[in-house]
Amino acid sequence: MNGADTAWIIVATALVLFMTLPGLALFYGGLVRSRNVLSVFMHCYAIACLMSLLWFGFGYSIAFGSGTSGYWGGADKLFLNGVTVDSLTGTLPEVLFFAFQMTFAIITPALIVGAYVERIGFGFVLLFSSLWMLLCYAPVVHWVWGGGFLADGGIFGDTGVRDFAGGIVVHETAGLAALILAIFLGARRDASKPPHNPGMVMIGAAMLWVGWFGFNGGSQLAADGGAAMAITVTHISAAAGSLTWALWERIKFGKASLVGLVTGTIAGLASITPASGFVTPLEALAIGSIAGILCQEAVTLIRNKVKIDDTLDVFAVHGVGGIFGTIMIAVFGAGTWAAQLGSLAIVGIYTTVVTVALIYICKAITPMRVDHETEVNGLDLAVHGERAYDITS
């Protein structure tokens, strides 16, 4: 065990949990109407609790068990069987590695929340998120990070896919699932009202930015120059994405908005995530600068041209950003085109099939969408018996 590595990953684990609680909750909560803000908080918080227990029971073993098939890790580490204070993963206590990866298993299904807010049933959220994390997210983790068939020595030869912190594992899977859920749900009955609290959105985005240092820097699994470089390029990409999004808004609409500026931050962060362990600061500047414009145009395409009500633009920002960053690894020569594009295609198809199947299964068990009256009056009061603001606002 290395004490410095251990200390850093303890901090990184806290930072990644901080991304969901409270960062993502505030970011998403500020973007919805006031009558639904508590439901967003409820979704994020309940998912964090439920995914933690499911990762402990099953997910960690599926992702990082000692199975040799290349497709799943097996059942040898269910409920942390055999994991003690003396067990090691590299230079880290294995129980710390488990906890660090648990925070990723929390935020990935929580990202999907942004696609279905203001109209989805709470029971459906819990059931779908649980099954999706175990049957979609955890196997993909094994394929890419757990020595599975997409990693080095797998189907792409000695050089497997390069995904440092989750462009494919986190952002592509969550983005595609979000888009599919939005299609199945259909549009909100009244999507015309703007975010109720842009200030809350900014605070949440700022927390996400800080937490992302643990997300990307912690993925080095060591306290060394690689972690420092990952943090540096993450920051550069976030700053560049923020400014190019705002500039593009100014050019197109004559004004740069606060919500646009901080959404550009998330675009820059999502795009650098897979590449953060492989690129230079100048390459990170290019990735973030392009992402601010690319993801904004993806928002316009999905929202205005294709007419899909992905409420908080999860696919356009996280999905497109993660896919773009994964491709840029090959552009800059840090990975092979076959492995990068092939893995994106394989994971994309698998995520689509599993997500569609789980939607049908979960719909048969619990209603997917709330009734008309609940949606009009707001989910806070109707579903949870609480409200944060005057329900008419």
Protein backbone atom coordinates (compact mmCIF):
# COMPACT_ATOMS: atom_id res chain seq x y z
CA MET A 1 0.00 0.00 0.00
CA ASN A 2 1.17 3.53 -0.80
CA GLY A 3 0.11 6.09 1.80
CA ALA A 4 0.17 9.08 -0.54
CA ASP A 5 -1.91 7.30 -3.17
CA THR A 6 -4.37 6.19 -0.50
CA ALA A 7 -4.74 9.67 0.95
CA TRP A 8 -5.36 11.20 -2.48
CA ILE A 9 -8.01 8.64 -3.48
CA ILE A 10 -9.80 9.13 -0.15
CA VAL A 11 -10.08 12.82 -1.07
CA ALA A 12 -11.04 12.00 -4.67
CA THR A 13 -13.80 9.68 -3.45
CA ALA A 14 -15.30 12.51 -1.40
CA LEU A 15 -15.01 14.88 -4.38
CA VAL A 16 -16.86 12.54 -6.74
CA LEU A 17 -19.67 12.00 -4.23
CA PHE A 18 -19.77 15.82 -3.87
CA MET A 19 -20.49 15.97 -7.60
CA THR A 20 -23.85 14.25 -7.11
CA LEU A 21 -24.59 15.44 -3.59
CA PRO A 22 -25.07 18.36 -3.76
CA GLY A 23 -23.56 19.43 -7.11
CA LEU A 24 -25.71 17.64 -9.68
CA ALA A 25 -28.82 18.01 -7.49
CA LEU A 26 -28.43 21.80 -7.41
CA PHE A 27 -27.48 22.04 -11.09
CA TYR A 28 -30.54 20.08 -12.21
CA GLY A 29 -32.80 21.54 -9.49
CA GLY A 30 -32.17 25.10 -10.62
CA LEU A 31 -33.03 24.25 -14.23
CA VAL A 32 -36.56 22.98 -13.57
CA ARG A 33 -39.67 24.88 -12.52
CA SER A 34 -40.01 25.63 -8.84
CA ARG A 35 -42.88 23.16 -8.38
CA ASN A 36 -40.54 20.28 -9.28
CA VAL A 37 -37.26 21.19 -7.58
CA LEU A 38 -37.74 18.90 -4.58
CA SER A 39 -38.54 15.97 -6.83
CA VAL A 40 -35.18 16.49 -8.57
CA PHE A 41 -33.42 16.57 -5.21
CA MET A 42 -35.32 13.43 -4.21
CA HIS A 43 -34.29 11.60 -7.37
CA CYS A 44 -30.59 12.45 -6.95
CA TYR A 45 -30.51 11.66 -3.23
CA ALA A 46 -32.49 8.43 -3.44
CA ILE A 47 -30.40 7.21 -6.39
CA ALA A 48 -27.22 7.91 -4.40
CA CYS A 49 -28.50 5.80 -1.51
CA LEU A 50 -29.84 2.95 -3.61
CA MET A 51 -26.85 2.68 -5.97
CA SER A 52 -24.50 2.57 -2.97
CA LEU A 53 -26.21 -0.52 -1.58
CA LEU A 54 -26.54 -2.20 -4.97
CA TRP A 55 -22.88 -1.54 -5.80
CA PHE A 56 -21.94 -3.09 -2.44
CA GLY A 57 -24.16 -6.11 -2.99
CA PHE A 58 -23.73 -6.85 -6.68
CA GLY A 59 -22.31 -4.10 -8.87
CA TYR A 60 -18.71 -4.19 -7.69
CA SER A 61 -18.44 -7.92 -8.27
CA ILE A 62 -20.00 -7.64 -11.74
CA ALA A 63 -17.54 -4.89 -12.66
CA PHE A 64 -14.35 -5.90 -10.88
CA GLY A 65 -14.72 -9.53 -9.87
CA SER A 66 -12.12 -12.05 -10.97
CA GLY A 67 -14.17 -13.59 -13.77
CA THR A 68 -12.19 -14.45 -16.90
CA SER A 69 -14.90 -14.47 -19.57
CA GLY A 70 -14.25 -10.85 -20.54
CA TYR A 71 -17.94 -10.03 -20.23
CA TRP A 72 -18.58 -9.84 -16.51
CA GLY A 73 -16.59 -10.08 -13.32
CA GLY A 74 -18.50 -12.96 -11.77
CA ALA A 75 -19.95 -13.39 -8.30
CA ASP A 76 -16.85 -13.89 -6.17
CA LYS A 77 -16.99 -10.41 -4.61
CA LEU A 78 -20.70 -10.11 -3.91
CA PHE A 79 -21.24 -8.06 -0.74
CA LEU A 80 -17.44 -7.50 -0.67
CA ASN A 81 -16.82 -11.17 -0.01
CA GLY A 82 -13.13 -11.68 0.67
CA VAL A 83 -12.32 -7.97 0.79
CA THR A 84 -10.55 -7.06 4.03
CA VAL A 85 -8.55 -4.09 5.30
CA ASP A 86 -5.44 -5.86 4.00
CA SER A 87 -6.73 -6.48 0.46
CA LEU A 88 -5.03 -4.36 -2.20
CA THR A 89 -5.89 -3.09 -5.66
CA GLY A 90 -2.60 -1.84 -7.01
CA THR A 91 -1.19 0.45 -4.31
CA LEU A 92 -4.61 1.10 -2.75
CA PRO A 93 -6.70 -0.71 -0.14
CA GLU A 94 -9.29 -2.57 -2.18
CA VAL A 95 -12.09 -1.27 0.01
CA LEU A 96 -11.05 2.27 -0.99
CA PHE A 97 -11.01 1.32 -4.66
CA PHE A 98 -14.51 -0.10 -4.13
CA ALA A 99 -15.67 3.19 -2.54
CA PHE A 100 -14.13 5.33 -5.30
CA GLN A 101 -15.80 3.28 -8.01
CA MET A 102 -19.07 3.36 -6.04
CA THR A 103 -19.23 7.14 -6.47
CA PHE A 104 -19.07 6.62 -10.25
CA ALA A 105 -21.90 4.08 -10.01
CA ILE A 106 -23.89 6.76 -8.16
CA ILE A 107 -23.41 9.66 -10.56
CA THR A 108 -23.91 7.74 -13.81
CA PRO A 109 -27.61 6.88 -13.31
CA ALA A 110 -28.05 10.24 -11.55
CA LEU A 111 -26.98 12.01 -14.75
CA ILE A 112 -29.96 10.44 -16.51
CA VAL A 113 -32.31 12.28 -14.13
CA GLY A 114 -31.99 15.41 -16.27
CA ALA A 115 -33.80 13.78 -19.19
CA TYR A 116 -37.02 12.86 -17.41
CA VAL A 117 -37.60 15.46 -14.71
CA GLU A 118 -41.04 17.05 -14.25
CA ARG A 119 -43.05 14.09 -15.58
CA ILE A 120 -41.76 10.70 -14.42
CA GLY A 121 -43.00 8.39 -11.66
CA PHE A 122 -40.75 8.07 -8.61
CA GLY A 123 -41.18 4.30 -8.41
CA PHE A 124 -40.13 3.96 -12.04
CA VAL A 125 -37.01 6.05 -11.35
CA LEU A 126 -35.88 3.75 -8.54
CA LEU A 127 -36.63 0.51 -10.35
CA PHE A 128 -35.14 1.55 -13.68
CA SER A 129 -32.02 3.11 -12.13
CA SER A 130 -31.36 -0.05 -10.10
CA LEU A 131 -31.67 -2.48 -12.99
CA TRP A 132 -29.84 -0.18 -15.41
CA MET A 133 -26.84 0.24 -13.13
CA LEU A 134 -26.51 -3.51 -12.60
CA LEU A 135 -27.28 -4.70 -16.14
CA CYS A 136 -25.89 -1.88 -18.26
CA TYR A 137 -23.38 0.23 -16.35
CA ALA A 138 -21.59 -2.46 -14.31
CA PRO A 139 -20.93 -4.81 -17.27
CA VAL A 140 -19.58 -1.93 -19.37
CA VAL A 141 -17.26 -1.01 -16.49
CA HIS A 142 -15.89 -4.55 -16.61
CA TRP A 143 -15.45 -4.45 -20.38
CA VAL A 144 -13.42 -1.23 -20.28
CA TRP A 145 -11.84 -0.88 -16.82
CA GLY A 146 -12.09 -4.38 -15.37
CA GLY A 147 -9.91 -6.18 -17.91
CA GLY A 148 -12.83 -7.15 -20.13
CA PHE A 149 -12.98 -7.74 -23.86
CA LEU A 150 -12.63 -4.05 -24.85
CA ALA A 151 -9.48 -3.52 -22.78
CA ASP A 152 -5.87 -4.27 -23.71
CA GLY A 153 -5.51 -7.81 -25.00
CA GLY A 154 -9.20 -8.03 -25.93
CA ILE A 155 -10.89 -7.94 -29.31
CA PHE A 156 -8.85 -4.93 -30.46
CA GLY A 157 -5.48 -6.54 -29.76
CA ASP A 158 -2.75 -5.29 -27.48
CA THR A 159 -4.07 -1.71 -27.50
CA GLY A 160 -7.64 -1.72 -26.32
CA VAL A 161 -9.97 1.21 -25.84
CA ARG A 162 -8.68 4.30 -24.07
CA ASP A 163 -11.22 5.78 -21.68
CA PHE A 164 -9.45 7.38 -18.75
CA ALA A 165 -12.39 8.47 -16.58
CA GLY A 166 -15.62 7.60 -18.34
CA GLY A 167 -16.33 9.06 -21.79
CA ILE A 168 -17.78 5.71 -22.81
CA VAL A 169 -18.40 4.10 -19.43
CA VAL A 170 -20.20 7.09 -17.88
CA HIS A 171 -21.16 9.71 -20.44
CA GLU A 172 -22.06 7.65 -23.50
CA THR A 173 -24.10 5.15 -21.51
CA ALA A 174 -25.94 7.79 -19.45
CA GLY A 175 -26.43 10.07 -22.45
CA LEU A 176 -27.95 7.37 -24.64
CA ALA A 177 -30.17 6.08 -21.85
CA ALA A 178 -31.37 9.64 -21.23
CA LEU A 179 -32.24 10.16 -24.89
CA ILE A 180 -34.15 6.87 -25.10
CA LEU A 181 -36.10 7.59 -21.91
CA ALA A 182 -37.01 11.05 -23.22
CA ILE A 183 -38.33 9.51 -26.44
CA PHE A 184 -40.45 6.95 -24.59
CA LEU A 185 -41.80 9.53 -22.12
CA GLY A 186 -42.70 12.15 -24.69
CA ALA A 187 -42.56 15.89 -24.19
CA ARG A 188 -43.69 17.74 -21.08
CA ARG A 189 -47.13 19.30 -21.35
CA ASP A 190 -45.71 22.77 -20.71
CA ALA A 191 -42.03 23.16 -21.50
CA SER A 192 -42.16 26.91 -22.11
CA LYS A 193 -41.15 28.23 -18.69
CA PRO A 194 -37.47 29.05 -18.11
CA PRO A 195 -35.28 27.68 -15.28
CA HIS A 196 -36.61 28.92 -11.94
CA ASN A 197 -33.20 29.64 -10.38
CA PRO A 198 -30.16 30.26 -12.64
CA GLY A 199 -28.12 31.12 -9.54
CA MET A 200 -28.70 27.61 -8.18
CA VAL A 201 -27.63 26.23 -11.56
CA MET A 202 -24.34 28.15 -11.33
CA ILE A 203 -23.65 26.94 -7.79
CA GLY A 204 -24.31 23.34 -8.82
CA ALA A 205 -22.09 23.66 -11.89
CA ALA A 206 -19.29 25.13 -9.77
CA MET A 207 -19.52 22.18 -7.39
CA LEU A 208 -19.40 19.80 -10.35
CA TRP A 209 -16.29 21.56 -11.66
CA VAL A 210 -14.48 21.19 -8.33
CA GLY A 211 -15.67 17.60 -7.90
CA TRP A 212 -14.46 16.72 -11.40
CA PHE A 213 -10.87 17.05 -10.15
CA GLY A 214 -11.56 13.92 -8.12
CA PHE A 215 -13.40 12.30 -11.02
CA ASN A 216 -10.55 12.70 -13.50
CA GLY A 217 -7.54 13.19 -11.24
CA GLY A 218 -8.58 10.29 -9.04
CA SER A 219 -8.82 7.97 -12.05
CA GLN A 220 -5.02 7.92 -12.13
CA LEU A 221 -5.35 5.91 -8.88
CA ALA A 222 -2.11 7.46 -7.68
CA ALA A 223 -0.78 10.71 -6.24
CA ASP A 224 1.66 11.51 -9.04
CA GLY A 225 2.29 13.68 -12.06
CA GLY A 226 -0.34 11.87 -14.08
CA ALA A 227 -3.03 12.87 -11.58
CA ALA A 228 -1.77 16.45 -11.58
CA MET A 229 -1.84 16.58 -15.37
CA ALA A 230 -5.35 15.11 -15.46
CA ILE A 231 -6.55 17.85 -13.11
CA THR A 232 -4.80 20.54 -15.14
CA VAL A 233 -6.21 19.52 -18.51
CA THR A 234 -9.65 19.10 -16.92
CA HIS A 235 -9.58 22.68 -15.70
CA ILE A 236 -8.37 24.06 -19.04
CA SER A 237 -11.05 22.23 -21.00
CA ALA A 238 -13.79 23.39 -18.60
CA ALA A 239 -12.69 27.03 -18.87
CA ALA A 240 -12.48 26.86 -22.66
CA GLY A 241 -15.87 25.15 -23.00
CA SER A 242 -17.50 27.79 -20.81
CA LEU A 243 -16.19 30.69 -22.84
CA THR A 244 -16.82 29.26 -26.30
CA TRP A 245 -20.40 28.35 -25.35
CA ALA A 246 -20.99 31.90 -24.13
CA LEU A 247 -19.32 33.41 -27.20
CA TRP A 248 -21.38 31.25 -29.54
CA GLU A 249 -24.56 32.33 -27.72
CA ARG A 250 -23.50 35.97 -28.10
CA ILE A 251 -22.91 35.52 -31.82
CA LYS A 252 -26.20 33.72 -32.42
CA PHE A 253 -28.56 35.49 -30.01
CA GLY A 254 -26.85 38.73 -29.09
CA LYS A 255 -26.56 37.79 -25.40
CA ALA A 256 -24.50 35.36 -23.35
CA SER A 257 -26.46 33.77 -20.50
CA LEU A 258 -25.29 32.51 -17.12
CA VAL A 259 -27.00 29.17 -17.69
CA GLY A 260 -25.26 28.92 -21.07
CA LEU A 261 -21.86 29.77 -19.60
CA VAL A 262 -22.06 27.07 -16.93
CA THR A 263 -23.55 24.50 -19.32
CA GLY A 264 -20.45 25.10 -21.42
CA THR A 265 -18.44 24.22 -18.34
CA ILE A 266 -20.13 20.82 -18.15
CA ALA A 267 -19.61 20.31 -21.90
CA GLY A 268 -15.90 20.97 -21.50
CA LEU A 269 -15.69 18.65 -18.50
CA ALA A 270 -17.60 15.79 -20.13
CA SER A 271 -15.50 16.04 -23.28
CA ILE A 272 -12.13 15.97 -21.53
CA THR A 273 -13.12 13.11 -19.21
CA PRO A 274 -12.08 10.17 -21.44
CA ALA A 275 -8.96 11.98 -22.67
CA SER A 276 -7.76 13.54 -19.42
CA GLY A 277 -5.06 10.94 -18.88
CA PHE A 278 -3.75 11.05 -22.43
CA VAL A 279 -3.62 14.64 -23.73
CA THR A 280 -1.51 17.76 -23.27
CA PRO A 281 -2.81 21.12 -22.02
CA LEU A 282 -2.87 22.50 -25.58
CA GLU A 283 -4.87 19.50 -26.76
CA ALA A 284 -7.23 20.01 -23.82
CA LEU A 285 -7.69 23.63 -24.89
CA ALA A 286 -8.75 22.41 -28.33
CA ILE A 287 -11.13 19.80 -26.91
CA GLY A 288 -12.86 22.27 -24.58
CA SER A 289 -13.05 25.02 -27.20
CA ILE A 290 -14.74 22.75 -29.72
CA ALA A 291 -17.00 21.16 -27.11
CA GLY A 292 -18.57 24.49 -26.14
CA ILE A 293 -19.84 24.97 -29.69
CA LEU A 294 -20.43 21.33 -30.62
CA CYS A 295 -22.60 20.53 -27.59
CA GLN A 296 -24.57 23.76 -27.95
CA GLU A 297 -25.38 22.87 -31.54
CA ALA A 298 -26.36 19.38 -30.38
CA VAL A 299 -28.81 20.98 -27.92
CA THR A 300 -30.36 22.98 -30.77
CA LEU A 301 -30.58 19.92 -33.00
CA ILE A 302 -32.23 17.65 -30.44
CA ARG A 303 -34.50 20.26 -28.86
CA ASN A 304 -35.58 22.31 -31.87
CA LYS A 305 -35.01 20.17 -34.96
CA VAL A 306 -35.64 16.60 -33.79
CA LYS A 307 -38.14 17.79 -31.12
CA ILE A 308 -37.06 15.40 -28.36
CA ASP A 309 -37.71 16.77 -24.87
CA ASP A 310 -34.48 15.65 -23.20
CA THR A 311 -35.39 18.16 -20.51
CA LEU A 312 -31.96 19.25 -19.30
CA ASP A 313 -29.99 18.25 -22.42
CA VAL A 314 -28.28 15.19 -20.97
CA PHE A 315 -27.49 13.56 -24.30
CA ALA A 316 -26.46 16.77 -26.05
CA VAL A 317 -23.99 17.72 -23.30
CA HIS A 318 -22.88 14.47 -21.65
CA GLY A 319 -23.50 11.99 -24.45
CA VAL A 320 -22.15 14.09 -27.31
CA GLY A 321 -19.34 15.45 -25.14
CA GLY A 322 -18.22 12.01 -23.96
CA ILE A 323 -18.35 10.56 -27.49
CA PHE A 324 -16.46 13.55 -28.89
CA GLY A 325 -13.73 13.29 -26.26
CA THR A 326 -13.38 9.56 -26.87
CA ILE A 327 -12.84 10.17 -30.59
CA MET A 328 -10.33 12.95 -29.90
CA ILE A 329 -8.09 10.40 -28.17
CA ALA A 330 -7.61 8.77 -31.57
CA VAL A 331 -7.27 12.15 -33.30
CA PHE A 332 -4.34 13.02 -31.04
CA GLY A 333 -2.76 9.58 -31.49
CA ALA A 334 -3.21 8.29 -27.93
CA GLY A 335 -5.48 5.42 -29.00
CA THR A 336 -6.32 3.46 -32.13
CA TRP A 337 -9.24 4.40 -34.33
CA ALA A 338 -10.49 0.82 -34.37
CA ALA A 339 -10.61 0.55 -30.59
CA GLN A 340 -12.11 3.99 -29.99
CA LEU A 341 -14.82 3.85 -32.66
CA GLY A 342 -15.45 0.14 -32.25
CA SER A 343 -15.95 0.43 -28.50
CA LEU A 344 -18.27 3.41 -28.93
CA ALA A 345 -20.37 1.35 -31.35
CA ILE A 346 -20.44 -1.79 -29.20
CA VAL A 347 -21.30 0.03 -25.98
CA GLY A 348 -23.82 2.23 -27.82
CA ILE A 349 -25.70 -0.76 -29.23
CA TYR A 350 -25.61 -2.62 -25.91
CA THR A 351 -26.83 0.42 -23.97
CA THR A 352 -29.67 1.00 -26.41
CA VAL A 353 -30.88 -2.61 -26.30
CA VAL A 354 -30.67 -2.89 -22.49
CA THR A 355 -32.29 0.50 -21.90
CA VAL A 356 -35.24 -0.23 -24.20
CA ALA A 357 -35.74 -3.67 -22.67
CA LEU A 358 -35.65 -2.28 -19.13
CA ILE A 359 -38.14 0.46 -19.99
CA TYR A 360 -40.67 -2.15 -21.12
CA ILE A 361 -40.02 -4.31 -18.05
CA CYS A 362 -40.28 -1.42 -15.60
CA LYS A 363 -43.40 -0.01 -17.30
CA ALA A 364 -45.09 -3.36 -16.78
CA ILE A 365 -44.40 -3.14 -13.04
CA THR A 366 -44.93 0.54 -12.22
CA PRO A 367 -46.25 3.56 -14.16
CA MET A 368 -43.60 5.40 -16.13
CA ARG A 369 -45.27 8.81 -16.33
CA VAL A 370 -47.33 10.65 -13.74
CA ASP A 371 -50.92 11.60 -14.53
CA HIS A 372 -51.94 14.90 -16.07
CA GLU A 373 -53.01 16.55 -12.82
CA THR A 374 -49.78 15.63 -11.04
CA GLU A 375 -47.68 16.98 -13.87
CA VAL A 376 -49.61 20.25 -14.00
CA ASN A 377 -49.55 20.82 -10.24
CA GLY A 378 -45.94 19.74 -9.86
CA LEU A 379 -44.32 16.57 -8.56
CA ASP A 380 -43.14 18.11 -5.29
CA LEU A 381 -46.54 18.35 -3.65
CA ALA A 382 -48.37 15.59 -5.50
CA VAL A 383 -45.70 12.87 -5.17
CA HIS A 384 -43.69 13.86 -2.11
CA GLY A 385 -46.13 15.99 -0.10
CA GLU A 386 -43.74 18.92 0.12
CA ARG A 387 -42.95 22.10 -1.73
CA ALA A 388 -40.08 24.54 -1.63
CA TYR A 389 -41.82 27.48 -3.28
CA ASP A 390 -45.26 28.87 -4.01
CA ILE A 391 -46.74 26.23 -6.30
CA THR A 392 -48.03 28.90 -8.71
CA SER A 393 -44.53 30.19 -9.49
